[in-house]
C-alpha cells in the first residue's frame, strides 16, 4: 500500500545549512528578504529568501506546494503522485527524485533546490545527508490526535518557506467553507455511520485497512456530520487499522455506508466480488458502497480535503 514513511532528524550538520536550535515558534518571514522557518523538529531554518526551487519528498506536501502556486522542481515518485493525487496536477517538467522511502540524494542535489520539504517519517540518516547541500524543512505529515490542526500547521510552515502565506490563508478559508457547505447539505444525514477503508490482495487473502478516528478522511467525514463506525485499534500517527472481511461483520448497523479508495487494484469489486461474508455485510446488501474517484489522495492537503468532502456529499445528498 502507498502510505508515507517518518524520520527523527539528527542535530549534526544542521549548522551547515544555517539551521539552529530554537524553541518551537510560529514561522516568521521578511517579504523579499531572508526567511526563518521553525519546522516540526523545533529547528529554525534560515533561507536567503522565500524558496522558489523546491523538492518535495511526500505527496501531501507536494500537493500543498503546488496548490500554493509554486510548482516543485522535483518530487519523489512522480508517477505514483499522478496515480494517487489528481486534484493538484504536477507539470510535466517536475523531475522524479526516486522513491518516497528511498529518494536519491544525487538527483535532489542535481536540481539545485533552494529547499527540500519532507515528512518526519523518513530514514533518520536522510536529513543530515541532504543538509550537507541544501536546507531541509520537516513537516509532521499526519497526527491522528489532531489531523486538521496538523494539516493547517504543515501548510503554514510550507507557505512561510515559499513566501505564500496569503495564498495559504485563502486555501484554508476555502477548505473551511467547503466543509461547512457539505455539512449543511448533509444535515438530514447527520449521524450516519460510515466505514472508510482501502484494501489489497495477498495471494488469495484480502487485507482491509480501515480509516479509524483521527485519520484525515475520518476527520473530514465527521466534520460534515457523519460518524465513524470503526472502533477497532488504529495507529497513533495515521489513524489506520487492519482487518479482514470477517472483521467487518462487527458492523451491524443497517444504516452504515462504506466509502473506499482504490486508485490501483480494486479488491472490493474483484477480490470480494464472490466472497459470501462480504456480500452479507449490511452496506453491501443495501447497496451503500461508494468508491472514491481514482486519484483521491486520502493523506493530502486542503484541496484533497475538499475533493473528499465533495464526493461524500454527492454520494449521500
Protein backbone atom coordinates (compact mmCIF):
# COMPACT_ATOMS: atom_id res chain seq x y z
CA UNK A 1 0.00 0.00 0.00
CA UNK A 2 1.07 3.56 -0.61
CA UNK A 3 1.45 5.41 2.67
CA UNK A 4 4.11 7.85 3.76
CA UNK A 5 7.15 6.82 5.98
CA UNK A 6 8.99 9.26 9.10
CA UNK A 7 12.39 10.38 10.44
CA UNK A 8 13.81 11.89 13.53
CA UNK A 9 16.33 14.41 12.27
CA UNK A 10 19.75 14.49 13.91
CA UNK A 11 21.39 17.69 15.04
CA UNK A 12 24.76 17.18 13.35
CA UNK A 13 25.44 19.12 10.15
CA UNK A 14 22.41 21.38 10.71
CA UNK A 15 24.62 24.43 11.04
CA UNK A 16 25.99 23.73 7.56
CA UNK A 17 22.62 24.85 6.17
CA UNK A 18 22.03 27.74 8.52
CA UNK A 19 19.89 25.68 10.89
CA UNK A 20 20.00 26.49 14.59
CA UNK A 21 18.28 25.11 17.66
CA UNK A 22 15.41 27.35 18.83
CA UNK A 23 12.18 26.83 20.75
CA UNK A 24 9.22 25.83 18.56
CA UNK A 25 7.57 29.06 17.39
CA UNK A 26 5.39 30.26 14.58
CA UNK A 27 7.38 30.81 11.36
CA UNK A 28 8.47 34.37 10.60
CA UNK A 29 9.01 35.93 7.21
CA UNK A 30 10.52 39.06 5.72
CA UNK A 31 8.88 39.74 2.36
CA UNK A 32 11.61 39.76 -0.27
CA UNK A 33 14.36 39.19 2.27
CA UNK A 34 15.69 36.39 4.48
CA UNK A 35 13.16 33.86 5.76
CA UNK A 36 13.28 31.99 9.05
CA UNK A 37 11.02 28.95 9.40
CA UNK A 38 10.65 26.82 12.51
CA UNK A 39 9.70 23.32 11.39
CA UNK A 40 8.27 20.39 13.36
CA UNK A 41 11.69 19.50 14.75
CA UNK A 42 11.71 22.80 16.63
CA UNK A 43 14.59 23.86 14.38
CA UNK A 44 14.76 27.30 12.82
CA UNK A 45 15.87 27.01 9.22
CA UNK A 46 17.21 30.19 7.62
CA UNK A 47 16.82 30.87 3.90
CA UNK A 48 18.24 33.84 1.99
CA UNK A 49 14.77 34.45 0.55
CA UNK A 50 11.48 32.64 0.01
CA UNK A 51 12.19 29.36 -1.78
CA UNK A 52 11.39 29.17 -5.48
CA UNK A 53 13.09 25.87 -6.37
CA UNK A 54 11.52 23.27 -4.10
CA UNK A 55 11.98 19.50 -3.95
CA UNK A 56 9.27 17.60 -2.07
CA UNK A 57 9.55 14.03 -0.80
CA UNK A 58 5.91 13.28 0.10
CA UNK A 59 2.75 13.62 -1.98
CA UNK A 60 0.62 15.53 0.53
CA UNK A 61 3.34 18.14 0.86
CA UNK A 62 3.87 18.21 -2.92
CA UNK A 63 0.16 18.91 -3.31
CA UNK A 64 0.41 21.75 -0.79
CA UNK A 65 3.40 23.35 -2.52
CA UNK A 66 1.73 23.17 -5.94
CA UNK A 67 -1.62 24.44 -4.62
CA UNK A 68 0.18 27.49 -3.23
CA UNK A 69 1.26 28.36 -6.78
CA UNK A 70 4.83 27.08 -6.61
CA UNK A 71 5.45 24.14 -8.92
CA UNK A 72 8.11 21.88 -7.36
CA UNK A 73 11.23 21.23 -9.41
CA UNK A 74 11.38 17.68 -8.05
CA UNK A 75 9.02 15.23 -6.32
CA UNK A 76 9.55 11.69 -5.08
CA UNK A 77 7.73 9.13 -7.26
CA UNK A 78 6.03 11.48 -9.70
CA UNK A 79 4.28 8.57 -11.45
CA UNK A 80 2.74 7.49 -8.17
CA UNK A 81 1.64 11.05 -7.44
CA UNK A 82 -0.14 11.23 -10.79
CA UNK A 83 -1.96 7.98 -9.98
CA UNK A 84 -2.90 8.76 -6.39
CA UNK A 85 -3.26 12.57 -6.23
CA UNK A 86 -5.01 14.06 -9.24
CA UNK A 87 -6.58 17.08 -7.55
CA UNK A 88 -3.49 19.32 -7.99
CA UNK A 89 -1.61 18.08 -11.07
CA UNK A 90 2.14 18.39 -11.42
CA UNK A 91 3.70 19.94 -14.52
CA UNK A 92 5.49 17.61 -16.90
CA UNK A 93 8.69 19.50 -16.05
CA UNK A 94 8.75 18.18 -12.46
CA UNK A 95 11.62 15.71 -12.08
CA UNK A 96 11.31 12.37 -10.31
CA UNK A 97 13.88 12.11 -7.50
CA UNK A 98 13.31 8.48 -6.58
CA UNK A 99 11.08 6.56 -4.22
CA UNK A 100 9.38 8.31 -1.32
CA UNK A 101 11.03 5.96 1.16
CA UNK A 102 14.35 5.96 -0.71
CA UNK A 103 14.89 9.18 -2.67
CA UNK A 104 18.13 9.85 -4.49
CA UNK A 105 20.28 12.46 -2.78
CA UNK A 106 22.24 12.90 -6.01
CA UNK A 107 19.06 13.51 -8.03
CA UNK A 108 17.84 16.02 -5.47
CA UNK A 109 21.11 17.96 -5.31
CA UNK A 110 21.40 18.00 -9.11
CA UNK A 111 18.23 20.11 -9.26
CA UNK A 112 19.94 22.87 -7.26
CA UNK A 113 16.93 23.38 -4.97
CA UNK A 114 16.51 26.25 -2.52
CA UNK A 115 14.96 23.84 -0.03
CA UNK A 116 13.79 20.26 0.42
CA UNK A 117 10.41 19.67 2.10
CA UNK A 118 9.99 16.23 3.62
CA UNK A 119 7.91 14.49 6.29
CA UNK A 120 9.18 13.49 9.69
CA UNK A 121 8.84 9.81 8.81
CA UNK A 122 11.93 9.18 6.76
CA UNK A 123 15.15 7.25 7.28
CA UNK A 124 16.93 9.08 10.11
CA UNK A 125 20.10 9.37 8.03
CA UNK A 126 18.45 11.28 5.19
CA UNK A 127 18.18 14.74 6.76
CA UNK A 128 21.89 15.05 7.61
CA UNK A 129 22.81 13.71 4.17
CA UNK A 130 20.68 16.35 2.48
CA UNK A 131 21.67 19.17 4.79
CA UNK A 132 25.26 18.91 3.59
CA UNK A 133 23.97 20.51 0.39
CA UNK A 134 20.56 22.14 0.91
CA UNK A 135 18.28 23.40 3.72
CA UNK A 136 15.57 20.94 4.78
CA UNK A 137 12.11 21.73 6.14
CA UNK A 138 10.48 18.84 8.02
CA UNK A 139 6.69 18.54 8.31
CA UNK A 140 4.52 16.32 10.51
CA UNK A 141 2.51 14.80 7.62
CA UNK A 142 -0.07 13.14 9.89
CA UNK A 143 -1.12 13.07 13.54
CA UNK A 144 -4.21 11.08 14.49
CA UNK A 145 -4.66 13.15 17.64
CA UNK A 146 -5.10 16.44 15.71
CA UNK A 147 -5.04 15.90 11.97
CA UNK A 148 -6.92 19.02 10.90
CA UNK A 149 -4.79 21.23 13.14
CA UNK A 150 -1.69 19.37 11.91
CA UNK A 151 -2.68 19.98 8.28
CA UNK A 152 -3.01 23.69 8.98
CA UNK A 153 0.37 23.78 10.72
CA UNK A 154 2.10 21.93 7.87
CA UNK A 155 0.56 24.20 5.25
CA UNK A 156 1.59 27.33 7.13
CA UNK A 157 5.16 26.09 7.53
CA UNK A 158 5.35 25.33 3.81
CA UNK A 159 3.70 28.64 2.88
CA UNK A 160 6.22 30.54 5.00
CA UNK A 161 9.03 28.67 3.27
CA UNK A 162 7.85 29.62 -0.22
CA UNK A 163 6.55 33.10 0.64
CA UNK A 164 2.88 32.31 0.04
CA UNK A 165 1.22 32.96 3.41
CA UNK A 166 -1.73 34.88 1.93
CA UNK A 167 -2.36 32.03 -0.51
CA UNK A 168 -2.31 29.56 2.40
CA UNK A 169 -4.89 31.59 4.30
CA UNK A 170 -7.09 31.57 1.20
CA UNK A 171 -6.73 27.80 0.77
CA UNK A 172 -7.73 27.19 4.39
CA UNK A 173 -10.69 29.57 4.15
CA UNK A 174 -11.90 27.81 1.02
CA UNK A 175 -11.50 24.42 2.71
CA UNK A 176 -13.47 25.55 5.76
CA UNK A 177 -16.23 26.96 3.55
CA UNK A 178 -16.45 23.72 1.57
CA UNK A 179 -16.73 21.65 4.75
CA UNK A 180 -19.42 23.95 6.13
CA UNK A 181 -21.40 23.74 2.88
CA UNK A 182 -21.13 19.95 2.87
CA UNK A 183 -22.35 19.78 6.47
CA UNK A 184 -25.35 21.90 5.56
CA UNK A 185 -26.11 19.77 2.50
CA UNK A 186 -25.95 16.59 4.62
CA UNK A 187 -27.94 17.93 7.60
CA UNK A 188 -30.63 15.31 7.04
CA UNK A 189 -27.95 12.59 7.10
CA UNK A 190 -26.26 13.78 10.32
CA UNK A 191 -25.01 10.89 12.41
CA UNK A 192 -24.89 8.42 9.52
CA UNK A 193 -22.35 5.70 10.44
CA UNK A 194 -19.59 5.12 7.91
CA UNK A 195 -16.65 2.82 7.31
CA UNK A 196 -13.80 4.22 5.21
CA UNK A 197 -11.27 1.66 4.00
CA UNK A 198 -8.87 0.57 1.34
CA UNK A 199 -7.55 -2.91 0.70
CA UNK A 200 -5.17 -5.16 -1.15
CA UNK A 201 -4.84 -8.77 -2.21
CA UNK A 202 -2.10 -11.00 -0.79
CA UNK A 203 -2.31 -14.34 -2.59
CA UNK A 204 -5.96 -15.26 -2.18
CA UNK A 205 -6.42 -13.22 1.02
CA UNK A 206 -7.94 -9.74 1.01
CA UNK A 207 -6.50 -7.43 3.67
CA UNK A 208 -8.55 -4.38 4.58
CA UNK A 209 -7.28 -1.17 6.12
CA UNK A 210 -9.99 0.80 7.96
CA UNK A 211 -9.53 4.53 8.46
CA UNK A 212 -10.35 4.96 12.15
CA UNK A 213 -10.99 8.07 14.21
CA UNK A 214 -8.14 10.51 13.81
CA UNK A 215 -7.37 9.60 10.22
CA UNK A 216 -7.70 12.58 7.91
CA UNK A 217 -10.62 11.04 5.99
CA UNK A 218 -12.43 10.31 9.24
CA UNK A 219 -11.91 13.89 10.38
CA UNK A 220 -13.38 15.11 7.08
CA UNK A 221 -16.44 12.86 7.28
CA UNK A 222 -17.06 13.68 10.92
CA UNK A 223 -16.62 17.39 10.24
CA UNK A 224 -19.52 17.24 7.77
CA UNK A 225 -21.75 15.32 10.15
CA UNK A 226 -21.11 11.59 9.76
CA UNK A 227 -19.99 9.14 12.46
CA UNK A 228 -17.09 6.71 12.15
CA UNK A 229 -18.38 3.19 12.79
CA UNK A 230 -14.94 1.58 13.05
CA UNK A 231 -13.93 1.08 16.69
CA UNK A 232 -11.00 -1.30 16.17
CA UNK A 233 -7.42 -0.47 17.04
CA UNK A 234 -5.64 2.11 14.86
CA UNK A 235 -2.14 3.56 14.89
CA UNK A 236 -1.38 6.88 16.56
CA UNK A 237 0.03 8.64 13.51
CA UNK A 238 -2.29 7.81 10.63
CA UNK A 239 -5.39 6.53 12.43
CA UNK A 240 -5.23 3.37 10.31
CA UNK A 241 -6.17 -0.15 11.35
CA UNK A 242 -6.05 -3.56 9.75
CA UNK A 243 -8.61 -6.33 9.48
CA UNK A 244 -10.05 -8.94 7.15
CA UNK A 245 -13.53 -9.48 5.78
CA UNK A 246 -14.63 -11.38 8.88
CA UNK A 247 -13.59 -8.38 10.98
CA UNK A 248 -16.16 -6.26 9.16
CA UNK A 249 -19.01 -8.41 10.47
CA UNK A 250 -18.84 -6.36 13.69
CA UNK A 251 -20.53 -3.56 11.71
CA UNK A 252 -24.19 -4.50 12.03
CA UNK A 253 -25.98 -1.13 11.81
CA UNK A 254 -28.07 -1.27 8.59
CA UNK A 255 -27.54 2.47 8.08
CA UNK A 256 -23.75 2.08 7.77
CA UNK A 257 -22.19 3.15 4.47
CA UNK A 258 -18.87 2.02 3.04
CA UNK A 259 -16.51 4.54 1.46
CA UNK A 260 -13.42 3.11 -0.12
CA UNK A 261 -10.33 4.16 -2.04
CA UNK A 262 -8.76 2.20 -4.91
CA UNK A 263 -6.63 4.15 -7.37
CA UNK A 264 -4.96 0.92 -8.47
CA UNK A 265 -6.26 -2.58 -7.65
CA UNK A 266 -9.93 -2.55 -6.58
CA UNK A 267 -10.29 -5.54 -4.25
CA UNK A 268 -13.80 -4.52 -3.25
CA UNK A 269 -15.15 -5.32 -6.70
CA UNK A 270 -12.69 -8.05 -7.66
CA UNK A 271 -11.24 -9.91 -4.69
CA UNK A 272 -14.50 -9.64 -2.73
CA UNK A 273 -16.96 -9.97 -5.59
CA UNK A 274 -17.73 -13.62 -4.80
CA UNK A 275 -16.97 -13.55 -1.07
CA UNK A 276 -20.14 -14.69 0.76
CA UNK A 277 -19.18 -12.96 4.04
CA UNK A 278 -18.66 -9.64 2.28
CA UNK A 279 -21.85 -9.99 0.27
CA UNK A 280 -23.86 -10.34 3.51
CA UNK A 281 -22.48 -7.15 5.10
CA UNK A 282 -25.27 -4.59 5.66
CA UNK A 283 -23.82 -1.87 3.44
CA UNK A 284 -23.36 -4.36 0.59
CA UNK A 285 -26.90 -5.74 0.96
CA UNK A 286 -28.35 -2.20 1.00
CA UNK A 287 -26.04 -1.07 -1.85
CA UNK A 288 -24.50 1.71 0.25
CA UNK A 289 -20.98 1.22 -1.11
CA UNK A 290 -19.26 4.29 -2.58
CA UNK A 291 -15.90 4.29 -4.29
CA UNK A 292 -13.86 7.49 -4.16
CA UNK A 293 -12.64 8.63 -7.55
CA UNK A 294 -9.23 7.30 -8.66
CA UNK A 295 -6.60 9.89 -7.81
CA UNK A 296 -8.23 10.83 -4.49
CA UNK A 297 -5.31 11.09 -2.07
CA UNK A 298 -6.53 10.35 1.45
CA UNK A 299 -3.43 11.92 3.06
CA UNK A 300 -3.40 15.18 1.13
CA UNK A 301 -3.74 18.92 1.68
CA UNK A 302 -6.71 21.33 1.62
CA UNK A 303 -7.60 20.56 -1.99
CA UNK A 304 -7.76 16.83 -1.25
CA UNK A 305 -9.92 17.58 1.80
CA UNK A 306 -12.36 19.50 -0.41
CA UNK A 307 -12.33 16.75 -3.04
CA UNK A 308 -13.19 14.07 -0.47
CA UNK A 309 -15.93 16.18 1.13
CA UNK A 310 -17.47 16.85 -2.29
CA UNK A 311 -17.56 13.15 -3.12
CA UNK A 312 -19.15 12.14 0.18
CA UNK A 313 -21.72 14.89 -0.20
CA UNK A 314 -22.57 13.86 -3.76
CA UNK A 315 -22.93 10.21 -2.70
CA UNK A 316 -25.31 10.92 0.18
CA UNK A 317 -27.14 14.18 -0.54
